[in-house]
Amino acid sequence: MTESPMREPTFLVLTALAEEPRHGYAVIEDVATMTGGRVRLRAGTLYAALDRLRAEGLIEVEREEVVQSRLRRYYRLTGAGERSLATETARLRSQATIAESRLRLRGTQFGGATA
């Protein structure tokens, strides 16, 4: 049985953590940057996703530190998280390649213009 596609927020959180370990607010900022502001994760959504991803073994806490009297927890991908992100990236790339090919057959150019 094949894995179901990842939801976009999960994909983006894992992508943010692929570069380096990050704390929650840094993940929120990176996701907004990666998507040009299109996706803005709320703290509640993010922390629920982080808890779920930890339970699934895709991420883990790398370290904790206290900053201005608040606990800051840094998360990182696990090996399983890296494999899961790589699998989803390949799936998305495959689907995008098919779509691009079919658009070219119609004479459509990318960026909304037509040939």
PDB file of N, CA and C in Angstrom:
ATOM      1  N   MET A   1       0.845  -1.178   0.000  1.00  0.00           N
ATOM      2  CA  MET A   1       0.000   0.000   0.000  1.00  0.00           C
ATOM      3  C   MET A   1       0.893   1.245   0.000  1.00  0.00           C
ATOM      4  N   THR A   2       0.552   2.234  -0.780  1.00  0.00           N
ATOM      5  CA  THR A   2       1.364   3.443  -0.859  1.00  0.00           C
ATOM      6  C   THR A   2       0.950   4.441   0.205  1.00  0.00           C
ATOM      7  N   GLU A   3       1.922   5.281   0.572  1.00  0.00           N
ATOM      8  CA  GLU A   3       1.617   6.333   1.538  1.00  0.00           C
ATOM      9  C   GLU A   3       0.721   7.374   0.894  1.00  0.00           C
ATOM     10  N   SER A   4      -0.154   7.956   1.698  1.00  0.00           N
ATOM     11  CA  SER A   4      -0.987   9.027   1.164  1.00  0.00           C
ATOM     12  C   SER A   4      -0.147  10.295   1.069  1.00  0.00           C
ATOM     13  N   PRO A   5      -0.512  11.198   0.159  1.00  0.00           N
ATOM     14  CA  PRO A   5       0.232  12.449   0.008  1.00  0.00           C
ATOM     15  C   PRO A   5       0.221  13.243   1.314  1.00  0.00           C
ATOM     16  N   MET A   6       1.302  13.969   1.542  1.00  0.00           N
ATOM     17  CA  MET A   6       1.385  14.830   2.725  1.00  0.00           C
ATOM     18  C   MET A   6       0.511  16.043   2.536  1.00  0.00           C
ATOM     19  N   ARG A   7      -0.037  16.511   3.618  1.00  0.00           N
ATOM     20  CA  ARG A   7      -0.722  17.801   3.574  1.00  0.00           C
ATOM     21  C   ARG A   7       0.351  18.883   3.465  1.00  0.00           C
ATOM     22  N   GLU A   8      -0.007  19.976   2.834  1.00  0.00           N
ATOM     23  CA  GLU A   8       0.968  21.029   2.585  1.00  0.00           C
ATOM     24  C   GLU A   8       1.653  21.547   3.849  1.00  0.00           C
ATOM     25  N   PRO A   9       0.931  21.817   4.942  1.00  0.00           N
ATOM     26  CA  PRO A   9       1.639  22.303   6.138  1.00  0.00           C
ATOM     27  C   PRO A   9       2.699  21.321   6.643  1.00  0.00           C
ATOM     28  N   THR A  10       2.404  20.025   6.596  1.00  0.00           N
ATOM     29  CA  THR A  10       3.379  19.017   7.014  1.00  0.00           C
ATOM     30  C   THR A  10       4.607  19.075   6.121  1.00  0.00           C
ATOM     31  N   PHE A  11       4.382  19.118   4.815  1.00  0.00           N
ATOM     32  CA  PHE A  11       5.482  19.205   3.856  1.00  0.00           C
ATOM     33  C   PHE A  11       6.344  20.437   4.131  1.00  0.00           C
ATOM     34  N   LEU A  12       5.707  21.562   4.386  1.00  0.00           N
ATOM     35  CA  LEU A  12       6.444  22.808   4.610  1.00  0.00           C
ATOM     36  C   LEU A  12       7.213  22.788   5.928  1.00  0.00           C
ATOM     37  N   VAL A  13       6.626  22.224   6.978  1.00  0.00           N
ATOM     38  CA  VAL A  13       7.333  22.126   8.259  1.00  0.00           C
ATOM     39  C   VAL A  13       8.563  21.233   8.106  1.00  0.00           C
ATOM     40  N   LEU A  14       8.402  20.084   7.468  1.00  0.00           N
ATOM     41  CA  LEU A  14       9.546  19.199   7.261  1.00  0.00           C
ATOM     42  C   LEU A  14      10.606  19.870   6.393  1.00  0.00           C
ATOM     43  N   THR A  15      10.176  20.604   5.386  1.00  0.00           N
ATOM     44  CA  THR A  15      11.120  21.320   4.515  1.00  0.00           C
ATOM     45  C   THR A  15      11.896  22.371   5.312  1.00  0.00           C
ATOM     46  N   ALA A  16      11.213  23.088   6.191  1.00  0.00           N
ATOM     47  CA  ALA A  16      11.885  24.092   7.025  1.00  0.00           C
ATOM     48  C   ALA A  16      12.948  23.441   7.906  1.00  0.00           C
ATOM     49  N   LEU A  17      12.656  22.244   8.401  1.00  0.00           N
ATOM     50  CA  LEU A  17      13.600  21.563   9.281  1.00  0.00           C
ATOM     51  C   LEU A  17      14.695  20.827   8.523  1.00  0.00           C
ATOM     52  N   ALA A  18      14.548  20.684   7.213  1.00  0.00           N
ATOM     53  CA  ALA A  18      15.557  19.981   6.418  1.00  0.00           C
ATOM     54  C   ALA A  18      16.857  20.777   6.335  1.00  0.00           C
ATOM     55  N   GLU A  19      16.754  22.089   6.376  1.00  0.00           N
ATOM     56  CA  GLU A  19      17.945  22.922   6.257  1.00  0.00           C
ATOM     57  C   GLU A  19      18.778  22.897   7.535  1.00  0.00           C
ATOM     58  N   GLU A  20      18.096  23.041   8.670  1.00  0.00           N
ATOM     59  CA  GLU A  20      18.775  23.073   9.966  1.00  0.00           C
ATOM     60  C   GLU A  20      17.728  22.953  11.060  1.00  0.00           C
ATOM     61  N   PRO A  21      18.157  22.582  12.274  1.00  0.00           N
ATOM     62  CA  PRO A  21      17.204  22.562  13.383  1.00  0.00           C
ATOM     63  C   PRO A  21      16.667  23.978  13.628  1.00  0.00           C
ATOM     64  N   ARG A  22      15.387  24.066  13.957  1.00  0.00           N
ATOM     65  CA  ARG A  22      14.752  25.358  14.189  1.00  0.00           C
ATOM     66  C   ARG A  22      13.790  25.257  15.366  1.00  0.00           C
ATOM     67  N   HIS A  23      13.573  26.387  16.021  1.00  0.00           N
ATOM     68  CA  HIS A  23      12.540  26.471  17.045  1.00  0.00           C
ATOM     69  C   HIS A  23      11.242  26.857  16.349  1.00  0.00           C
ATOM     70  N   GLY A  24      10.141  26.755  17.070  1.00  0.00           N
ATOM     71  CA  GLY A  24       8.820  26.935  16.480  1.00  0.00           C
ATOM     72  C   GLY A  24       8.627  28.227  15.711  1.00  0.00           C
ATOM     73  N   TYR A  25       8.983  29.356  16.320  1.00  0.00           N
ATOM     74  CA  TYR A  25       8.762  30.629  15.632  1.00  0.00           C
ATOM     75  C   TYR A  25       9.605  30.719  14.365  1.00  0.00           C
ATOM     76  N   ALA A  26      10.820  30.159  14.389  1.00  0.00           N
ATOM     77  CA  ALA A  26      11.667  30.158  13.192  1.00  0.00           C
ATOM     78  C   ALA A  26      11.047  29.305  12.082  1.00  0.00           C
ATOM     79  N   VAL A  27      10.357  28.225  12.462  1.00  0.00           N
ATOM     80  CA  VAL A  27       9.651  27.410  11.464  1.00  0.00           C
ATOM     81  C   VAL A  27       8.534  28.236  10.832  1.00  0.00           C
ATOM     82  N   ILE A  28       7.762  28.936  11.654  1.00  0.00           N
ATOM     83  CA  ILE A  28       6.677  29.782  11.152  1.00  0.00           C
ATOM     84  C   ILE A  28       7.220  30.813  10.165  1.00  0.00           C
ATOM     85  N   GLU A  29       8.308  31.466  10.525  1.00  0.00           N
ATOM     86  CA  GLU A  29       8.908  32.487   9.652  1.00  0.00           C
ATOM     87  C   GLU A  29       9.430  31.882   8.356  1.00  0.00           C
ATOM     88  N   ASP A  30      10.084  30.716   8.445  1.00  0.00           N
ATOM     89  CA  ASP A  30      10.641  30.093   7.245  1.00  0.00           C
ATOM     90  C   ASP A  30       9.545  29.641   6.289  1.00  0.00           C
ATOM     91  N   VAL A  31       8.475  29.094   6.824  1.00  0.00           N
ATOM     92  CA  VAL A  31       7.351  28.676   5.971  1.00  0.00           C
ATOM     93  C   VAL A  31       6.770  29.889   5.245  1.00  0.00           C
ATOM     94  N   ALA A  32       6.595  30.991   5.949  1.00  0.00           N
ATOM     95  CA  ALA A  32       6.082  32.211   5.304  1.00  0.00           C
ATOM     96  C   ALA A  32       7.034  32.679   4.213  1.00  0.00           C
ATOM     97  N   THR A  33       8.329  32.620   4.471  1.00  0.00           N
ATOM     98  CA  THR A  33       9.323  33.034   3.472  1.00  0.00           C
ATOM     99  C   THR A  33       9.299  32.103   2.262  1.00  0.00           C
ATOM    100  N   MET A  34       9.300  30.788   2.504  1.00  0.00           N
ATOM    101  CA  MET A  34       9.304  29.811   1.404  1.00  0.00           C
ATOM    102  C   MET A  34       8.099  29.974   0.496  1.00  0.00           C
ATOM    103  N   THR A  35       6.964  30.358   1.051  1.00  0.00           N
ATOM    104  CA  THR A  35       5.726  30.429   0.274  1.00  0.00           C
ATOM    105  C   THR A  35       5.389  31.857  -0.155  1.00  0.00           C
ATOM    106  N   GLY A  36       6.318  32.772   0.028  1.00  0.00           N
ATOM    107  CA  GLY A  36       6.053  34.163  -0.329  1.00  0.00           C
ATOM    108  C   GLY A  36       4.896  34.751   0.459  1.00  0.00           C
ATOM    109  N   GLY A  37       4.690  34.265   1.680  1.00  0.00           N
ATOM    110  CA  GLY A  37       3.618  34.764   2.524  1.00  0.00           C
ATOM    111  C   GLY A  37       2.266  34.107   2.287  1.00  0.00           C
ATOM    112  N   ARG A  38       2.179  33.205   1.325  1.00  0.00           N
ATOM    113  CA  ARG A  38       0.909  32.542   1.020  1.00  0.00           C
ATOM    114  C   ARG A  38       0.448  31.660   2.173  1.00  0.00           C
ATOM    115  N   VAL A  39       1.399  31.001   2.847  1.00  0.00           N
ATOM    116  CA  VAL A  39       1.066  30.143   3.982  1.00  0.00           C
ATOM    117  C   VAL A  39       1.646  30.776   5.238  1.00  0.00           C
ATOM    118  N   ARG A  40       0.758  31.045   6.186  1.00  0.00           N
ATOM    119  CA  ARG A  40       1.177  31.583   7.484  1.00  0.00           C
ATOM    120  C   ARG A  40       0.622  30.652   8.554  1.00  0.00           C
ATOM    121  N   LEU A  41       1.513  29.843   9.093  1.00  0.00           N
ATOM    122  CA  LEU A  41       1.096  28.901  10.120  1.00  0.00           C
ATOM    123  C   LEU A  41       0.805  29.640  11.419  1.00  0.00           C
ATOM    124  N   ARG A  42      -0.250  29.262  12.072  1.00  0.00           N
ATOM    125  CA  ARG A  42      -0.546  29.791  13.404  1.00  0.00           C
ATOM    126  C   ARG A  42       0.160  28.915  14.420  1.00  0.00           C
ATOM    127  N   ALA A  43       0.471  29.498  15.559  1.00  0.00           N
ATOM    128  CA  ALA A  43       1.219  28.768  16.590  1.00  0.00           C
ATOM    129  C   ALA A  43       0.514  27.476  16.993  1.00  0.00           C
ATOM    130  N   GLY A  44      -0.791  27.523  17.199  1.00  0.00           N
ATOM    131  CA  GLY A  44      -1.525  26.320  17.598  1.00  0.00           C
ATOM    132  C   GLY A  44      -1.435  25.223  16.551  1.00  0.00           C
ATOM    133  N   THR A  45      -1.555  25.606  15.296  1.00  0.00           N
ATOM    134  CA  THR A  45      -1.450  24.648  14.189  1.00  0.00           C
ATOM    135  C   THR A  45      -0.056  24.052  14.141  1.00  0.00           C
ATOM    136  N   LEU A  46       0.956  24.916  14.274  1.00  0.00           N
ATOM    137  CA  LEU A  46       2.335  24.450  14.207  1.00  0.00           C
ATOM    138  C   LEU A  46       2.632  23.467  15.326  1.00  0.00           C
ATOM    139  N   TYR A  47       2.303  23.833  16.561  1.00  0.00           N
ATOM    140  CA  TYR A  47       2.678  22.972  17.676  1.00  0.00           C
ATOM    141  C   TYR A  47       1.909  21.658  17.670  1.00  0.00           C
ATOM    142  N   ALA A  48       0.693  21.651  17.184  1.00  0.00           N
ATOM    143  CA  ALA A  48      -0.045  20.391  17.009  1.00  0.00           C
ATOM    144  C   ALA A  48       0.665  19.528  15.961  1.00  0.00           C
ATOM    145  N   ALA A  49       1.112  20.153  14.873  1.00  0.00           N
ATOM    146  CA  ALA A  49       1.832  19.417  13.826  1.00  0.00           C
ATOM    147  C   ALA A  49       3.167  18.891  14.360  1.00  0.00           C
ATOM    148  N   LEU A  50       3.887  19.711  15.118  1.00  0.00           N
ATOM    149  CA  LEU A  50       5.165  19.268  15.682  1.00  0.00           C
ATOM    150  C   LEU A  50       4.966  18.078  16.620  1.00  0.00           C
ATOM    151  N   ASP A  51       3.927  18.124  17.441  1.00  0.00           N
ATOM    152  CA  ASP A  51       3.637  16.996  18.336  1.00  0.00           C
ATOM    153  C   ASP A  51       3.323  15.735  17.540  1.00  0.00           C
ATOM    154  N   ARG A  52       2.528  15.878  16.489  1.00  0.00           N
ATOM    155  CA  ARG A  52       2.170  14.724  15.656  1.00  0.00           C
ATOM    156  C   ARG A  52       3.401  14.162  14.945  1.00  0.00           C
ATOM    157  N   LEU A  53       4.225  15.048  14.389  1.00  0.00           N
ATOM    158  CA  LEU A  53       5.429  14.606  13.675  1.00  0.00           C
ATOM    159  C   LEU A  53       6.414  13.922  14.624  1.00  0.00           C
ATOM    160  N   ARG A  54       6.487  14.396  15.858  1.00  0.00           N
ATOM    161  CA  ARG A  54       7.331  13.723  16.865  1.00  0.00           C
ATOM    162  C   ARG A  54       6.790  12.336  17.153  1.00  0.00           C
ATOM    163  N   ALA A  55       5.476  12.236  17.339  1.00  0.00           N
ATOM    164  CA  ALA A  55       4.856  10.943  17.634  1.00  0.00           C
ATOM    165  C   ALA A  55       5.062   9.954  16.483  1.00  0.00           C
ATOM    166  N   GLU A  56       5.115  10.468  15.259  1.00  0.00           N
ATOM    167  CA  GLU A  56       5.324   9.623  14.075  1.00  0.00           C
ATOM    168  C   GLU A  56       6.798   9.307  13.848  1.00  0.00           C
ATOM    169  N   GLY A  57       7.677   9.916  14.636  1.00  0.00           N
ATOM    170  CA  GLY A  57       9.106   9.655  14.505  1.00  0.00           C
ATOM    171  C   GLY A  57       9.784  10.381  13.358  1.00  0.00           C
ATOM    172  N   LEU A  58       9.124  11.418  12.813  1.00  0.00           N
ATOM    173  CA  LEU A  58       9.690  12.148  11.686  1.00  0.00           C
ATOM    174  C   LEU A  58      10.590  13.301  12.122  1.00  0.00           C
ATOM    175  N   ILE A  59      10.369  13.801  13.335  1.00  0.00           N
ATOM    176  CA  ILE A  59      11.216  14.850  13.894  1.00  0.00           C
ATOM    177  C   ILE A  59      11.498  14.506  15.345  1.00  0.00           C
ATOM    178  N   GLU A  60      12.494  15.187  15.907  1.00  0.00           N
ATOM    179  CA  GLU A  60      12.793  15.022  17.332  1.00  0.00           C
ATOM    180  C   GLU A  60      13.320  16.337  17.872  1.00  0.00           C
ATOM    181  N   VAL A  61      13.283  16.465  19.177  1.00  0.00           N
ATOM    182  CA  VAL A  61      13.832  17.649  19.823  1.00  0.00           C
ATOM    183  C   VAL A  61      15.343  17.507  19.826  1.00  0.00           C
ATOM    184  N   GLU A  62      16.013  18.502  19.276  1.00  0.00           N
ATOM    185  CA  GLU A  62      17.473  18.479  19.275  1.00  0.00           C
ATOM    186  C   GLU A  62      18.027  19.046  20.578  1.00  0.00           C
ATOM    187  N   ARG A  63      17.452  20.167  21.000  1.00  0.00           N
ATOM    188  CA  ARG A  63      17.910  20.798  22.238  1.00  0.00           C
ATOM    189  C   ARG A  63      16.852  21.783  22.721  1.00  0.00           C
ATOM    190  N   GLU A  64      17.012  22.205  23.961  1.00  0.00           N
ATOM    191  CA  GLU A  64      16.149  23.229  24.536  1.00  0.00           C
ATOM    192  C   GLU A  64      17.045  24.286  25.161  1.00  0.00           C
ATOM    193  N   GLU A  65      16.603  25.524  25.105  1.00  0.00           N
ATOM    194  CA  GLU A  65      17.335  26.607  25.762  1.00  0.00           C
ATOM    195  C   GLU A  65      16.334  27.627  26.279  1.00  0.00           C
ATOM    196  N   VAL A  66      16.736  28.360  27.264  1.00  0.00           N
ATOM    197  CA  VAL A  66      15.890  29.400  27.824  1.00  0.00           C
ATOM    198  C   VAL A  66      16.345  30.735  27.252  1.00  0.00           C
ATOM    199  N   VAL A  67      15.396  31.451  26.633  1.00  0.00           N
ATOM    200  CA  VAL A  67      15.656  32.763  26.044  1.00  0.00           C
ATOM    201  C   VAL A  67      14.631  33.728  26.622  1.00  0.00           C
ATOM    202  N   GLN A  68      15.091  34.761  27.278  1.00  0.00           N
ATOM    203  CA  GLN A  68      14.216  35.749  27.915  1.00  0.00           C
ATOM    204  C   GLN A  68      13.162  35.066  28.792  1.00  0.00           C
ATOM    205  N   SER A  69      13.629  34.150  29.621  1.00  0.00           N
ATOM    206  CA  SER A  69      12.801  33.411  30.583  1.00  0.00           C
ATOM    207  C   SER A  69      11.768  32.488  29.935  1.00  0.00           C
ATOM    208  N   ARG A  70      11.925  32.197  28.650  1.00  0.00           N
ATOM    209  CA  ARG A  70      10.995  31.284  27.967  1.00  0.00           C
ATOM    210  C   ARG A  70      11.776  30.121  27.378  1.00  0.00           C
ATOM    211  N   LEU A  71      11.173  28.952  27.448  1.00  0.00           N
ATOM    212  CA  LEU A  71      11.803  27.762  26.897  1.00  0.00           C
ATOM    213  C   LEU A  71      11.685  27.774  25.372  1.00  0.00           C
ATOM    214  N   ARG A  72      12.801  27.595  24.711  1.00  0.00           N
ATOM    215  CA  ARG A  72      12.819  27.507  23.248  1.00  0.00           C
ATOM    216  C   ARG A  72      13.297  26.102  22.905  1.00  0.00           C
ATOM    217  N   ARG A  73      12.455  25.359  22.192  1.00  0.00           N
ATOM    218  CA  ARG A  73      12.746  23.980  21.817  1.00  0.00           C
ATOM    219  C   ARG A  73      13.098  23.938  20.332  1.00  0.00           C
ATOM    220  N   TYR A  74      14.242  23.352  20.019  1.00  0.00           N
ATOM    221  CA  TYR A  74      14.692  23.215  18.629  1.00  0.00           C
ATOM    222  C   TYR A  74      14.393  21.801  18.145  1.00  0.00           C
ATOM    223  N   TYR A  75      13.821  21.725  16.953  1.00  0.00           N
ATOM    224  CA  TYR A  75      13.450  20.446  16.353  1.00  0.00           C
ATOM    225  C   TYR A  75      14.342  20.160  15.156  1.00  0.00           C
ATOM    226  N   ARG A  76      14.544  18.880  14.899  1.00  0.00           N
ATOM    227  CA  ARG A  76      15.307  18.472  13.720  1.00  0.00           C
ATOM    228  C   ARG A  76      14.660  17.236  13.099  1.00  0.00           C
ATOM    229  N   LEU A  77      14.941  17.034  11.809  1.00  0.00           N
ATOM    230  CA  LEU A  77      14.442  15.846  11.127  1.00  0.00           C
ATOM    231  C   LEU A  77      15.159  14.609  11.638  1.00  0.00           C
ATOM    232  N   THR A  78      14.461  13.509  11.685  1.00  0.00           N
ATOM    233  CA  THR A  78      15.079  12.209  11.926  1.00  0.00           C
ATOM    234  C   THR A  78      15.382  11.591  10.562  1.00  0.00           C
ATOM    235  N   GLY A  79      16.032  10.455  10.556  1.00  0.00           N
ATOM    236  CA  GLY A  79      16.256   9.741   9.295  1.00  0.00           C
ATOM    237  C   GLY A  79      14.939   9.409   8.608  1.00  0.00           C
ATOM    238  N   ALA A  80      13.954   8.993   9.400  1.00  0.00           N
ATOM    239  CA  ALA A  80      12.631   8.684   8.834  1.00  0.00           C
ATOM    240  C   ALA A  80      11.994   9.947   8.257  1.00  0.00           C
ATOM    241  N   GLY A  81      12.192  11.078   8.910  1.00  0.00           N
ATOM    242  CA  GLY A  81      11.666  12.347   8.396  1.00  0.00           C
ATOM    243  C   GLY A  81      12.308  12.736   7.079  1.00  0.00           C
ATOM    244  N   GLU A  82      13.622  12.543   6.977  1.00  0.00           N
ATOM    245  CA  GLU A  82      14.321  12.835   5.726  1.00  0.00           C
ATOM    246  C   GLU A  82      13.794  11.958   4.594  1.00  0.00           C
ATOM    247  N   ARG A  83      13.622  10.663   4.875  1.00  0.00           N
ATOM    248  CA  ARG A  83      13.114   9.747   3.847  1.00  0.00           C
ATOM    249  C   ARG A  83      11.693  10.104   3.438  1.00  0.00           C
ATOM    250  N   SER A  84      10.869  10.444   4.406  1.00  0.00           N
ATOM    251  CA  SER A  84       9.481  10.810   4.114  1.00  0.00           C
ATOM    252  C   SER A  84       9.419  12.077   3.259  1.00  0.00           C
ATOM    253  N   LEU A  85      10.227  13.076   3.604  1.00  0.00           N
ATOM    254  CA  LEU A  85      10.270  14.315   2.820  1.00  0.00           C
ATOM    255  C   LEU A  85      10.803  14.048   1.420  1.00  0.00           C
ATOM    256  N   ALA A  86      11.825  13.217   1.295  1.00  0.00           N
ATOM    257  CA  ALA A  86      12.372  12.885  -0.025  1.00  0.00           C
ATOM    258  C   ALA A  86      11.340  12.158  -0.884  1.00  0.00           C
ATOM    259  N   THR A  87      10.594  11.245  -0.279  1.00  0.00           N
ATOM    260  CA  THR A  87       9.552  10.514  -1.013  1.00  0.00           C
ATOM    261  C   THR A  87       8.473  11.462  -1.511  1.00  0.00           C
ATOM    262  N   GLU A  88       8.033  12.370  -0.641  1.00  0.00           N
ATOM    263  CA  GLU A  88       6.986  13.319  -1.034  1.00  0.00           C
ATOM    264  C   GLU A  88       7.501  14.291  -2.097  1.00  0.00           C
ATOM    265  N   THR A  89       8.748  14.706  -1.976  1.00  0.00           N
ATOM    266  CA  THR A  89       9.346  15.604  -2.975  1.00  0.00           C
ATOM    267  C   THR A  89       9.370  14.929  -4.345  1.00  0.00           C
ATOM    268  N   ALA A  90       9.755  13.667  -4.375  1.00  0.00           N
ATOM    269  CA  ALA A  90       9.780  12.922  -5.642  1.00  0.00           C
ATOM    270  C   ALA A  90       8.372  12.776  -6.214  1.00  0.00           C
ATOM    271  N   ARG A  91       7.386  12.524  -5.348  1.00  0.00           N
ATOM    272  CA  ARG A  91       6.000  12.393  -5.816  1.00  0.00           C
ATOM    273  C   ARG A  91       5.516  13.695  -6.436  1.00  0.00           C
ATOM    274  N   LEU A  92       5.779  14.814  -5.755  1.00  0.00           N
ATOM    275  CA  LEU A  92       5.358  16.119  -6.273  1.00  0.00           C
ATOM    276  C   LEU A  92       6.077  16.459  -7.577  1.00  0.00           C
ATOM    277  N   ARG A  93       7.370  16.152  -7.642  1.00  0.00           N
ATOM    278  CA  ARG A  93       8.133  16.418  -8.862  1.00  0.00           C
ATOM    279  C   ARG A  93       7.556  15.624 -10.037  1.00  0.00           C
ATOM    280  N   SER A  94       7.219  14.370  -9.790  1.00  0.00           N
ATOM    281  CA  SER A  94       6.646  13.526 -10.832  1.00  0.00           C
ATOM    282  C   SER A  94       5.325  14.101 -11.337  1.00  0.00           C
ATOM    283  N   GLN A  95       4.467  14.517 -10.413  1.00  0.00           N
ATOM    284  CA  GLN A  95       3.185  15.092 -10.794  1.00  0.00           C
ATOM    285  C   GLN A  95       3.359  16.405 -11.555  1.00  0.00           C
ATOM    286  N   ALA A  96       4.304  17.231 -11.118  1.00  0.00           N
ATOM    287  CA  ALA A  96       4.563  18.498 -11.806  1.00  0.00           C
ATOM    288  C   ALA A  96       5.095  18.251 -13.212  1.00  0.00           C
ATOM    289  N   THR A  97       5.939  17.246 -13.378  1.00  0.00           N
ATOM    290  CA  THR A  97       6.484  16.918 -14.698  1.00  0.00           C
ATOM    291  C   THR A  97       5.366  16.498 -15.652  1.00  0.00           C
ATOM    292  N   ILE A  98       4.444  15.704 -15.161  1.00  0.00           N
ATOM    293  CA  ILE A  98       3.306  15.276 -15.989  1.00  0.00           C
ATOM    294  C   ILE A  98       2.474  16.496 -16.392  1.00  0.00           C
ATOM    295  N   ALA A  99       2.185  17.367 -15.442  1.00  0.00           N
ATOM    296  CA  ALA A  99       1.383  18.557 -15.739  1.00  0.00           C
ATOM    297  C   ALA A  99       2.089  19.454 -16.747  1.00  0.00           C
ATOM    298  N   GLU A 100       3.391  19.671 -16.565  1.00  0.00           N
ATOM    299  CA  GLU A 100       4.148  20.509 -17.509  1.00  0.00           C
ATOM    300  C   GLU A 100       4.124  19.912 -18.915  1.00  0.00           C
ATOM    301  N   SER A 101       4.299  18.618 -18.993  1.00  0.00           N
ATOM    302  CA  SER A 101       4.287  17.940 -20.288  1.00  0.00           C
ATOM    303  C   SER A 101       2.948  18.115 -20.992  1.00  0.00           C
ATOM    304  N   ARG A 102       1.877  17.955 -20.264  1.00  0.00           N
ATOM    305  CA  ARG A 102       0.546  18.084 -20.863  1.00  0.00           C
ATOM    306  C   ARG A 102       0.242  19.525 -21.253  1.00  0.00           C
ATOM    307  N   LEU A 103       0.716  20.470 -20.461  1.00  0.00           N
ATOM    308  CA  LEU A 103       0.534  21.875 -20.830  1.00  0.00           C
ATOM    309  C   LEU A 103       1.312  22.216 -22.094  1.00  0.00           C
ATOM    310  N   ARG A 104       2.509  21.679 -22.229  1.00  0.00           N
ATOM    311  CA  ARG A 104       3.302  21.921 -23.444  1.00  0.00           C
ATOM    312  C   ARG A 104       2.584  21.366 -24.677  1.00  0.00           C
ATOM    313  N   LEU A 105       1.948  20.197 -24.526  1.00  0.00           N
ATOM    314  CA  LEU A 105       1.203  19.606 -25.633  1.00  0.00           C
ATOM    315  C   LEU A 105       0.079  20.529 -26.089  1.00  0.00           C
ATOM    316  N   ARG A 106      -0.473  21.291 -25.176  1.00  0.00           N
ATOM    317  CA  ARG A 106      -1.537  22.248 -25.504  1.00  0.00           C
ATOM    318  C   ARG A 106      -0.969  23.559 -26.045  1.00  0.00           C
ATOM    319  N   GLY A 107       0.348  23.691 -25.976  1.00  0.00           N
ATOM    320  CA  GLY A 107       0.971  24.933 -26.424  1.00  0.00           C
ATOM    321  C   GLY A 107       0.967  26.009 -25.368  1.00  0.00           C
ATOM    322  N   THR A 108       0.713  25.627 -24.135  1.00  0.00           N
ATOM    323  CA  THR A 108       0.683  26.607 -23.044  1.00  0.00           C
ATOM    324  C   THR A 108       2.085  26.877 -22.558  1.00  0.00           C
ATOM    325  N   GLN A 109       2.391  28.148 -22.381  1.00  0.00           N
ATOM    326  CA  GLN A 109       3.668  28.539 -21.796  1.00  0.00           C
ATOM    327  C   GLN A 109       3.440  28.817 -20.319  1.00  0.00           C
ATOM    328  N   PHE A 110       4.466  28.638 -19.546  1.00  0.00           N
ATOM    329  CA  PHE A 110       4.351  28.843 -18.111  1.00  0.00           C
ATOM    330  C   PHE A 110       4.300  30.316 -17.802  1.00  0.00           C
ATOM    331  N   GLY A 111       3.578  30.665 -16.735  1.00  0.00           N
ATOM    332  CA  GLY A 111       3.418  32.074 -16.345  1.00  0.00           C
ATOM    333  C   GLY A 111       2.085  32.616 -16.797  1.00  0.00           C
ATOM    334  N   GLY A 112       1.206  31.754 -17.315  1.00  0.00           N
ATOM    335  CA  GLY A 112      -0.135  32.187 -17.652  1.00  0.00           C
ATOM    336  C   GLY A 112      -0.330  32.585 -19.095  1.00  0.00           C
ATOM    337  N   ALA A 113       0.740  32.789 -19.857  1.00  0.00           N
ATOM    338  CA  ALA A 113       0.608  33.174 -21.264  1.00  0.00           C
ATOM    339  C   ALA A 113       0.394  31.924 -22.117  1.00  0.00           C
ATOM    340  N   THR A 114      -0.243  32.088 -23.237  1.00  0.00           N
ATOM    341  CA  THR A 114      -0.423  30.978 -24.167  1.00  0.00           C
ATOM    342  C   THR A 114       0.365  31.237 -25.426  1.00  0.00           C
ATOM    343  N   ALA A 115       0.708  30.156 -26.096  1.00  0.00           N
ATOM    344  CA  ALA A 115       1.508  30.275 -27.322  1.00  0.00           C
ATOM    345  C   ALA A 115       0.654  30.621 -28.513  1.00  0.00           C
TER     346      ALA A 115
END
